[in-house]
Amino acid sequence: MRIRGIIAAAVATAALAGLGITGATTAQAATPQVSGHQCTAGGGFISGTPQNGFFCVGGKYAGQPID
């Protein structure tokens, strides 16, 4: 019984460590940006404000920031 508890703790620790590594990699990934021309050519339109940034709405590049 004691060995089963040790193995369960080791598996849980390994799983949590794996999640930490995956989360760090995802957080460092750059958000893709498109130009205003790419947004409109892809069927979308530009929306947003200078304070909050501009984003493509609809079309092929929906949700991506405009550079």
N, C-alpha and C. Protein backbone atom coordinates (compact mmCIF):
# COMPACT_ATOMS: atom_id res chain seq x y z
N MET A 1 0.82 -1.19 0.00
CA MET A 1 0.00 0.00 0.00
C MET A 1 0.86 1.26 0.00
N ARG A 2 1.95 1.21 0.73
CA ARG A 2 2.82 2.37 0.81
C ARG A 2 3.45 2.66 -0.55
N ILE A 3 3.83 1.63 -1.29
CA ILE A 3 4.43 1.80 -2.60
C ILE A 3 3.42 2.41 -3.57
N ARG A 4 2.17 1.97 -3.48
CA ARG A 4 1.12 2.51 -4.36
C ARG A 4 0.98 4.02 -4.13
N GLY A 5 1.04 4.47 -2.88
CA GLY A 5 0.94 5.90 -2.58
C GLY A 5 2.13 6.68 -3.12
N ILE A 6 3.31 6.10 -3.02
CA ILE A 6 4.51 6.76 -3.53
C ILE A 6 4.44 6.88 -5.05
N ILE A 7 4.00 5.82 -5.71
CA ILE A 7 3.88 5.86 -7.18
C ILE A 7 2.83 6.88 -7.60
N ALA A 8 1.70 6.93 -6.90
CA ALA A 8 0.65 7.90 -7.23
C ALA A 8 1.16 9.33 -7.06
N ALA A 9 1.93 9.58 -6.01
CA ALA A 9 2.49 10.92 -5.79
C ALA A 9 3.49 11.27 -6.88
N ALA A 10 4.30 10.31 -7.30
CA ALA A 10 5.28 10.56 -8.36
C ALA A 10 4.60 10.87 -9.69
N VAL A 11 3.54 10.13 -9.99
CA VAL A 11 2.80 10.37 -11.24
C VAL A 11 2.14 11.75 -11.21
N ALA A 12 1.54 12.12 -10.09
CA ALA A 12 0.90 13.43 -9.97
C ALA A 12 1.92 14.55 -10.12
N THR A 13 3.08 14.39 -9.52
CA THR A 13 4.14 15.41 -9.62
C THR A 13 4.61 15.55 -11.05
N ALA A 14 4.80 14.44 -11.75
CA ALA A 14 5.23 14.48 -13.14
C ALA A 14 4.18 15.15 -14.03
N ALA A 15 2.92 14.86 -13.77
CA ALA A 15 1.85 15.46 -14.56
C ALA A 15 1.80 16.97 -14.37
N LEU A 16 1.92 17.42 -13.13
CA LEU A 16 1.90 18.86 -12.86
C LEU A 16 3.12 19.55 -13.46
N ALA A 17 4.27 18.90 -13.42
CA ALA A 17 5.48 19.47 -14.02
C ALA A 17 5.29 19.60 -15.52
N GLY A 18 4.67 18.61 -16.14
CA GLY A 18 4.41 18.67 -17.58
C GLY A 18 3.48 19.80 -17.94
N LEU A 19 2.48 20.05 -17.13
CA LEU A 19 1.57 21.17 -17.38
C LEU A 19 2.29 22.50 -17.26
N GLY A 20 3.19 22.61 -16.31
CA GLY A 20 3.95 23.85 -16.15
C GLY A 20 4.82 24.15 -17.34
N ILE A 21 5.46 23.12 -17.89
CA ILE A 21 6.31 23.32 -19.07
C ILE A 21 5.46 23.70 -20.27
N THR A 22 4.34 23.03 -20.46
CA THR A 22 3.46 23.34 -21.59
C THR A 22 2.90 24.75 -21.48
N GLY A 23 2.49 25.15 -20.28
CA GLY A 23 1.94 26.49 -20.08
C GLY A 23 2.98 27.56 -20.36
N ALA A 24 4.22 27.34 -19.97
CA ALA A 24 5.27 28.33 -20.20
C ALA A 24 5.54 28.48 -21.68
N THR A 25 5.52 27.39 -22.42
CA THR A 25 5.76 27.45 -23.86
C THR A 25 4.64 28.19 -24.55
N THR A 26 3.41 27.93 -24.16
CA THR A 26 2.27 28.60 -24.77
C THR A 26 2.29 30.09 -24.47
N ALA A 27 2.66 30.47 -23.28
CA ALA A 27 2.66 31.88 -22.91
C ALA A 27 3.71 32.67 -23.68
N GLN A 28 4.77 32.03 -24.12
CA GLN A 28 5.82 32.72 -24.82
C GLN A 28 5.56 32.84 -26.33
N ALA A 29 4.58 32.14 -26.83
CA ALA A 29 4.30 32.18 -28.26
C ALA A 29 3.78 33.55 -28.65
N ALA A 30 4.28 34.09 -29.75
CA ALA A 30 3.86 35.41 -30.22
C ALA A 30 2.49 35.33 -30.88
N THR A 31 1.68 36.35 -30.68
CA THR A 31 0.38 36.43 -31.32
C THR A 31 0.59 36.87 -32.77
N PRO A 32 0.07 36.11 -33.73
CA PRO A 32 0.25 36.51 -35.12
C PRO A 32 -0.46 37.82 -35.41
N GLN A 33 0.15 38.66 -36.22
CA GLN A 33 -0.45 39.93 -36.60
C GLN A 33 -0.62 39.97 -38.10
N VAL A 34 -1.62 40.69 -38.54
CA VAL A 34 -1.86 40.87 -39.97
C VAL A 34 -1.94 42.35 -40.27
N SER A 35 -1.75 42.70 -41.53
CA SER A 35 -1.89 44.09 -41.95
C SER A 35 -3.37 44.39 -42.19
N GLY A 36 -3.71 45.65 -42.24
CA GLY A 36 -5.08 46.03 -42.53
C GLY A 36 -5.53 45.51 -43.89
N HIS A 37 -4.61 45.53 -44.84
CA HIS A 37 -4.93 45.05 -46.19
C HIS A 37 -5.23 43.55 -46.17
N GLN A 38 -4.42 42.76 -45.43
CA GLN A 38 -4.66 41.33 -45.33
C GLN A 38 -6.03 41.05 -44.71
N CYS A 39 -6.37 41.83 -43.69
CA CYS A 39 -7.65 41.65 -43.01
C CYS A 39 -8.82 41.85 -43.98
N THR A 40 -8.81 42.98 -44.69
CA THR A 40 -9.92 43.27 -45.60
C THR A 40 -9.92 42.34 -46.81
N ALA A 41 -8.73 41.98 -47.30
CA ALA A 41 -8.66 41.06 -48.44
C ALA A 41 -9.15 39.67 -48.04
N GLY A 42 -9.02 39.32 -46.77
CA GLY A 42 -9.49 38.03 -46.28
C GLY A 42 -10.96 38.02 -45.92
N GLY A 43 -11.66 39.10 -46.19
CA GLY A 43 -13.10 39.14 -45.95
C GLY A 43 -13.51 39.75 -44.62
N GLY A 44 -12.57 40.33 -43.89
CA GLY A 44 -12.89 40.94 -42.60
C GLY A 44 -12.91 42.45 -42.66
N PHE A 45 -13.11 43.06 -41.50
CA PHE A 45 -13.01 44.51 -41.38
C PHE A 45 -12.28 44.86 -40.10
N ILE A 46 -11.73 46.05 -40.04
CA ILE A 46 -10.91 46.49 -38.91
C ILE A 46 -11.78 47.17 -37.87
N SER A 47 -11.59 46.80 -36.61
CA SER A 47 -12.34 47.41 -35.53
C SER A 47 -11.41 47.62 -34.34
N GLY A 48 -11.70 48.62 -33.53
CA GLY A 48 -10.91 48.87 -32.33
C GLY A 48 -10.66 50.35 -32.12
N THR A 49 -9.80 50.66 -31.16
CA THR A 49 -9.43 52.03 -30.84
C THR A 49 -7.92 52.13 -30.71
N PRO A 50 -7.37 53.34 -30.85
CA PRO A 50 -5.92 53.47 -30.66
C PRO A 50 -5.47 53.07 -29.25
N GLN A 51 -6.32 53.27 -28.25
CA GLN A 51 -5.96 52.92 -26.89
C GLN A 51 -5.92 51.41 -26.66
N ASN A 52 -6.87 50.69 -27.24
CA ASN A 52 -6.98 49.24 -27.03
C ASN A 52 -6.41 48.41 -28.16
N GLY A 53 -6.05 49.05 -29.24
CA GLY A 53 -5.52 48.34 -30.39
C GLY A 53 -6.60 48.00 -31.40
N PHE A 54 -6.17 47.67 -32.58
CA PHE A 54 -7.09 47.34 -33.67
C PHE A 54 -7.04 45.85 -33.95
N PHE A 55 -8.19 45.28 -34.27
CA PHE A 55 -8.32 43.85 -34.52
C PHE A 55 -9.10 43.61 -35.79
N CYS A 56 -8.84 42.48 -36.41
CA CYS A 56 -9.61 42.06 -37.59
C CYS A 56 -10.85 41.33 -37.10
N VAL A 57 -12.00 41.73 -37.63
CA VAL A 57 -13.27 41.11 -37.25
C VAL A 57 -13.84 40.41 -38.48
N GLY A 58 -14.09 39.13 -38.34
CA GLY A 58 -14.63 38.34 -39.44
C GLY A 58 -13.57 37.94 -40.45
N GLY A 59 -13.97 37.13 -41.40
CA GLY A 59 -13.06 36.71 -42.46
C GLY A 59 -12.01 35.72 -42.01
N LYS A 60 -10.99 35.59 -42.84
CA LYS A 60 -9.92 34.61 -42.64
C LYS A 60 -9.08 34.91 -41.42
N TYR A 61 -8.90 36.19 -41.06
CA TYR A 61 -8.00 36.58 -39.96
C TYR A 61 -8.75 37.07 -38.73
N ALA A 62 -9.95 36.62 -38.51
CA ALA A 62 -10.79 37.07 -37.40
C ALA A 62 -10.07 36.93 -36.06
N GLY A 63 -10.10 38.02 -35.28
CA GLY A 63 -9.53 38.01 -33.93
C GLY A 63 -8.06 38.36 -33.85
N GLN A 64 -7.38 38.47 -34.98
CA GLN A 64 -5.95 38.76 -34.95
C GLN A 64 -5.71 40.26 -34.91
N PRO A 65 -4.70 40.69 -34.15
CA PRO A 65 -4.39 42.12 -34.07
C PRO A 65 -3.85 42.65 -35.39
N ILE A 66 -4.14 43.89 -35.65
CA ILE A 66 -3.63 44.59 -36.84
C ILE A 66 -2.32 45.23 -36.48
N ASP A 67 -1.29 45.04 -37.29
CA ASP A 67 0.00 45.67 -37.00
C ASP A 67 0.09 47.04 -37.61
